N, C-alpha and C. Protein backbone atom coordinates (compact mmCIF):
# COMPACT_ATOMS: atom_id res chain seq x y z
N MET A 1 -5.05 -0.66 -16.07
CA MET A 1 -4.16 -1.60 -15.37
C MET A 1 -4.97 -2.59 -14.57
N SER A 2 -4.93 -3.81 -15.08
CA SER A 2 -5.92 -4.84 -14.58
C SER A 2 -5.30 -5.81 -13.59
N SER A 3 -3.91 -5.81 -13.42
CA SER A 3 -3.33 -6.77 -12.53
C SER A 3 -2.17 -6.13 -11.80
N THR A 4 -1.83 -6.73 -10.64
CA THR A 4 -0.81 -6.16 -9.87
C THR A 4 0.55 -6.74 -10.36
N ARG A 5 1.59 -6.04 -10.22
CA ARG A 5 2.93 -6.69 -10.47
C ARG A 5 3.96 -6.08 -9.50
N SER A 6 5.14 -6.79 -9.32
CA SER A 6 6.03 -6.29 -8.44
C SER A 6 6.71 -5.02 -9.03
N CYS A 7 7.21 -4.20 -8.19
CA CYS A 7 7.89 -2.97 -8.58
C CYS A 7 9.17 -3.28 -9.29
N PRO A 8 9.48 -2.75 -10.35
CA PRO A 8 10.61 -3.00 -11.04
C PRO A 8 11.92 -2.62 -10.32
N ASP A 9 11.83 -1.84 -9.23
CA ASP A 9 12.87 -1.57 -8.36
C ASP A 9 13.09 -2.41 -7.14
N TRP A 10 12.40 -3.59 -7.21
CA TRP A 10 12.33 -4.44 -6.07
C TRP A 10 13.71 -4.86 -5.53
N PRO A 11 14.74 -5.21 -6.42
CA PRO A 11 15.95 -5.62 -5.76
C PRO A 11 16.53 -4.49 -4.91
N THR A 12 16.50 -3.22 -5.41
CA THR A 12 16.98 -2.08 -4.54
C THR A 12 16.17 -2.02 -3.22
N LEU A 13 14.79 -2.02 -3.47
CA LEU A 13 13.96 -1.76 -2.23
C LEU A 13 14.13 -2.89 -1.24
N LEU A 14 14.33 -4.11 -1.79
CA LEU A 14 14.49 -5.28 -0.86
C LEU A 14 15.78 -5.06 0.02
N GLU A 15 16.81 -4.39 -0.39
CA GLU A 15 17.96 -4.02 0.28
C GLU A 15 17.68 -3.06 1.35
N GLU A 16 16.87 -2.00 0.98
CA GLU A 16 16.58 -0.92 1.87
C GLU A 16 15.51 -1.24 2.99
N VAL A 17 14.42 -2.02 2.47
CA VAL A 17 13.29 -2.34 3.35
C VAL A 17 12.90 -3.83 3.11
N PRO A 18 13.75 -4.67 3.65
CA PRO A 18 13.41 -6.17 3.45
C PRO A 18 12.11 -6.57 3.92
N ASP A 19 11.39 -5.85 4.91
CA ASP A 19 10.11 -6.29 5.38
C ASP A 19 8.97 -5.91 4.49
N LEU A 20 9.20 -5.07 3.49
CA LEU A 20 8.14 -4.54 2.62
C LEU A 20 8.23 -5.13 1.24
N HIS A 21 7.14 -5.26 0.74
CA HIS A 21 7.05 -5.85 -0.65
C HIS A 21 6.17 -4.90 -1.63
N PHE A 22 6.85 -4.03 -2.42
CA PHE A 22 6.16 -3.14 -3.24
C PHE A 22 5.59 -3.75 -4.48
N LYS A 23 4.36 -3.55 -4.81
CA LYS A 23 3.72 -3.86 -6.01
C LYS A 23 3.02 -2.70 -6.64
N HIS A 24 2.68 -2.69 -7.94
CA HIS A 24 1.99 -1.73 -8.65
C HIS A 24 0.48 -2.16 -8.63
N TYR A 25 -0.44 -1.30 -8.33
CA TYR A 25 -1.78 -1.43 -8.27
C TYR A 25 -2.41 -0.37 -8.97
N SER A 26 -3.60 -0.55 -9.58
CA SER A 26 -4.48 0.61 -9.91
C SER A 26 -4.98 1.24 -8.58
N VAL A 27 -5.32 2.54 -8.64
CA VAL A 27 -5.86 3.13 -7.35
C VAL A 27 -7.03 2.43 -6.94
N ALA A 28 -7.88 1.94 -7.75
CA ALA A 28 -9.08 1.15 -7.47
C ALA A 28 -8.75 -0.18 -6.77
N GLU A 29 -7.73 -0.93 -7.28
CA GLU A 29 -7.38 -2.17 -6.73
C GLU A 29 -6.79 -1.95 -5.26
N ALA A 30 -6.14 -0.87 -5.03
CA ALA A 30 -5.51 -0.62 -3.77
C ALA A 30 -6.34 -0.47 -2.58
N GLN A 31 -7.70 -0.22 -2.89
CA GLN A 31 -8.68 0.02 -1.90
C GLN A 31 -8.26 0.88 -0.78
N LEU A 32 -7.94 2.16 -1.36
CA LEU A 32 -7.43 3.16 -0.33
C LEU A 32 -8.56 3.64 0.51
N PRO A 33 -8.21 4.39 1.70
CA PRO A 33 -9.23 4.95 2.58
C PRO A 33 -10.10 5.83 1.89
N SER A 34 -11.42 5.90 2.33
CA SER A 34 -12.39 6.73 1.63
C SER A 34 -11.94 8.22 1.69
N GLU A 35 -11.42 8.73 2.72
CA GLU A 35 -11.02 10.15 2.78
C GLU A 35 -9.91 10.51 1.71
N VAL A 36 -9.06 9.51 1.31
CA VAL A 36 -8.13 9.65 0.31
C VAL A 36 -8.81 9.63 -1.02
N LEU A 37 -9.76 8.72 -1.29
CA LEU A 37 -10.46 8.61 -2.49
C LEU A 37 -11.24 9.87 -2.77
N VAL A 38 -11.79 10.47 -1.70
CA VAL A 38 -12.61 11.69 -1.91
C VAL A 38 -11.69 12.81 -2.36
N SER A 39 -10.44 12.93 -1.93
CA SER A 39 -9.66 13.96 -2.27
C SER A 39 -8.96 13.73 -3.68
N LEU A 40 -9.14 12.51 -4.14
CA LEU A 40 -8.54 12.15 -5.53
C LEU A 40 -9.61 11.92 -6.57
N ARG A 41 -10.87 12.55 -6.29
CA ARG A 41 -11.89 12.28 -7.29
C ARG A 41 -11.70 12.74 -8.68
N ASP A 42 -10.73 13.67 -8.95
CA ASP A 42 -10.38 14.01 -10.32
C ASP A 42 -9.40 13.05 -10.95
N ILE A 43 -8.88 12.02 -10.23
CA ILE A 43 -7.95 11.09 -10.82
C ILE A 43 -8.80 9.85 -11.36
N PRO A 44 -8.47 9.44 -12.45
CA PRO A 44 -9.06 8.14 -13.00
C PRO A 44 -8.69 6.90 -12.22
N MET A 45 -9.45 6.48 -11.30
CA MET A 45 -9.08 5.33 -10.42
C MET A 45 -8.59 4.17 -11.03
N ALA A 46 -9.16 3.69 -12.15
CA ALA A 46 -8.86 2.42 -12.85
C ALA A 46 -7.54 2.63 -13.66
N GLU A 47 -7.14 3.82 -13.98
CA GLU A 47 -6.06 4.04 -14.81
C GLU A 47 -4.75 4.45 -14.17
N GLU A 48 -4.86 5.26 -12.97
CA GLU A 48 -3.65 5.59 -12.38
C GLU A 48 -3.02 4.49 -11.44
N ALA A 49 -1.66 4.43 -11.47
CA ALA A 49 -1.07 3.32 -10.74
C ALA A 49 -0.50 3.99 -9.34
N ILE A 50 -0.39 3.06 -8.41
CA ILE A 50 0.13 3.32 -7.12
C ILE A 50 1.16 2.14 -6.90
N CYS A 51 2.36 2.59 -6.46
CA CYS A 51 3.42 1.54 -6.12
C CYS A 51 3.36 1.58 -4.59
N ALA A 52 2.95 0.44 -3.98
CA ALA A 52 2.74 0.40 -2.56
C ALA A 52 3.01 -1.03 -1.88
N ASP A 53 3.14 -0.97 -0.62
CA ASP A 53 3.06 -2.19 0.21
C ASP A 53 1.78 -2.08 0.89
N LEU A 54 0.71 -2.80 0.46
CA LEU A 54 -0.59 -2.54 0.99
C LEU A 54 -0.76 -3.03 2.47
N GLU A 55 0.04 -4.07 2.83
CA GLU A 55 -0.09 -4.68 4.13
C GLU A 55 0.49 -3.73 5.15
N HIS A 56 1.51 -2.98 4.83
CA HIS A 56 2.07 -1.96 5.77
C HIS A 56 1.72 -0.55 5.51
N ASN A 57 0.79 -0.26 4.56
CA ASN A 57 0.36 1.07 4.19
C ASN A 57 1.50 2.01 3.88
N VAL A 58 2.41 1.64 3.02
CA VAL A 58 3.58 2.38 2.63
C VAL A 58 3.46 2.56 1.24
N VAL A 59 3.63 3.77 0.66
CA VAL A 59 3.55 4.10 -0.65
C VAL A 59 5.03 4.53 -1.17
N ASN A 60 5.41 4.14 -2.47
CA ASN A 60 6.67 4.55 -3.00
C ASN A 60 6.35 5.85 -3.79
N PRO A 61 6.83 6.94 -3.38
CA PRO A 61 6.61 8.13 -4.10
C PRO A 61 7.34 8.20 -5.42
N ALA A 62 8.43 7.42 -5.68
CA ALA A 62 9.04 7.41 -6.87
C ALA A 62 8.23 6.89 -7.98
N HIS A 63 7.18 6.12 -7.75
CA HIS A 63 6.44 5.48 -8.77
C HIS A 63 4.90 5.80 -8.61
N THR A 64 4.70 6.89 -7.96
CA THR A 64 3.25 7.18 -7.61
C THR A 64 3.06 8.67 -7.91
N ASP A 65 1.91 9.05 -8.51
CA ASP A 65 1.54 10.40 -8.74
C ASP A 65 1.66 11.19 -7.46
N PRO A 66 2.27 12.32 -7.43
CA PRO A 66 2.49 13.16 -6.26
C PRO A 66 1.15 13.49 -5.60
N ARG A 67 0.08 13.65 -6.39
CA ARG A 67 -1.22 13.94 -5.76
C ARG A 67 -1.72 12.80 -4.80
N ILE A 68 -1.42 11.54 -5.27
CA ILE A 68 -1.86 10.38 -4.55
C ILE A 68 -1.00 10.30 -3.27
N VAL A 69 0.31 10.49 -3.46
CA VAL A 69 1.17 10.48 -2.33
C VAL A 69 0.79 11.54 -1.26
N ALA A 70 0.48 12.78 -1.75
CA ALA A 70 0.07 13.82 -0.83
C ALA A 70 -1.22 13.46 -0.03
N ALA A 71 -2.18 12.94 -0.75
CA ALA A 71 -3.43 12.43 -0.09
C ALA A 71 -3.19 11.30 0.85
N LEU A 72 -2.39 10.45 0.58
CA LEU A 72 -2.06 9.30 1.46
C LEU A 72 -1.30 9.83 2.75
N ARG A 73 -0.40 10.76 2.59
CA ARG A 73 0.24 11.48 3.81
C ARG A 73 -0.70 12.02 4.75
N GLU A 74 -1.97 12.31 4.31
CA GLU A 74 -2.96 12.95 5.26
C GLU A 74 -3.73 11.93 5.92
N SER A 75 -3.37 10.70 5.67
CA SER A 75 -4.22 9.53 6.24
C SER A 75 -3.11 8.84 7.21
N TYR A 76 -3.43 7.54 7.40
CA TYR A 76 -2.46 6.77 8.33
C TYR A 76 -1.32 6.09 7.46
N TRP A 77 -1.30 6.44 6.19
CA TRP A 77 -0.35 5.79 5.29
C TRP A 77 1.01 6.55 5.54
N TYR A 78 2.11 5.91 5.24
CA TYR A 78 3.40 6.51 5.17
C TYR A 78 3.91 6.43 3.72
N ASP A 79 4.80 7.44 3.42
CA ASP A 79 5.55 7.41 2.20
C ASP A 79 6.80 6.56 2.60
N LEU A 80 7.56 6.07 1.67
CA LEU A 80 8.67 5.30 1.83
C LEU A 80 9.76 6.04 2.69
N ASP A 81 10.04 7.28 2.44
CA ASP A 81 10.98 8.17 3.22
C ASP A 81 10.62 8.20 4.63
N ASP A 82 9.30 8.49 4.92
CA ASP A 82 8.78 8.59 6.32
C ASP A 82 8.93 7.12 6.95
N TRP A 83 8.62 6.14 6.27
CA TRP A 83 8.82 4.74 6.81
C TRP A 83 10.22 4.42 7.24
N LEU A 84 11.17 4.84 6.27
CA LEU A 84 12.62 4.59 6.64
C LEU A 84 13.00 5.37 7.78
N ALA A 85 12.61 6.58 7.91
CA ALA A 85 12.94 7.56 8.99
C ALA A 85 12.35 7.00 10.23
N ARG A 86 11.18 6.49 10.24
CA ARG A 86 10.58 5.94 11.44
C ARG A 86 11.20 4.69 11.92
N THR A 87 11.67 3.73 11.06
CA THR A 87 12.17 2.58 11.46
C THR A 87 13.64 2.51 11.76
N GLN A 88 14.32 3.66 11.42
CA GLN A 88 15.68 3.76 11.60
C GLN A 88 16.04 4.53 12.92
N GLN A 89 15.03 4.82 13.65
CA GLN A 89 15.19 5.66 14.91
C GLN A 89 15.58 4.79 16.00
């Protein structure tokens, strides 16, 4: 995967979270935190996709490998469900 592209679910996501813009990136393109990358060393970084809003550090678990989502949850990143719960309080 050599370029980013908008998430195909963007119309639905725009209704749920209008402040976020989800795009698909390779893990390498996303420039994830080093502690996350270390825990993902068995995943091919250039081939595996992540659906995320990089500006807000939010990952869409519906379009991202569960191992990546789990690693991101151990950092300062949010998954979409956590973000929605946090912003609706």
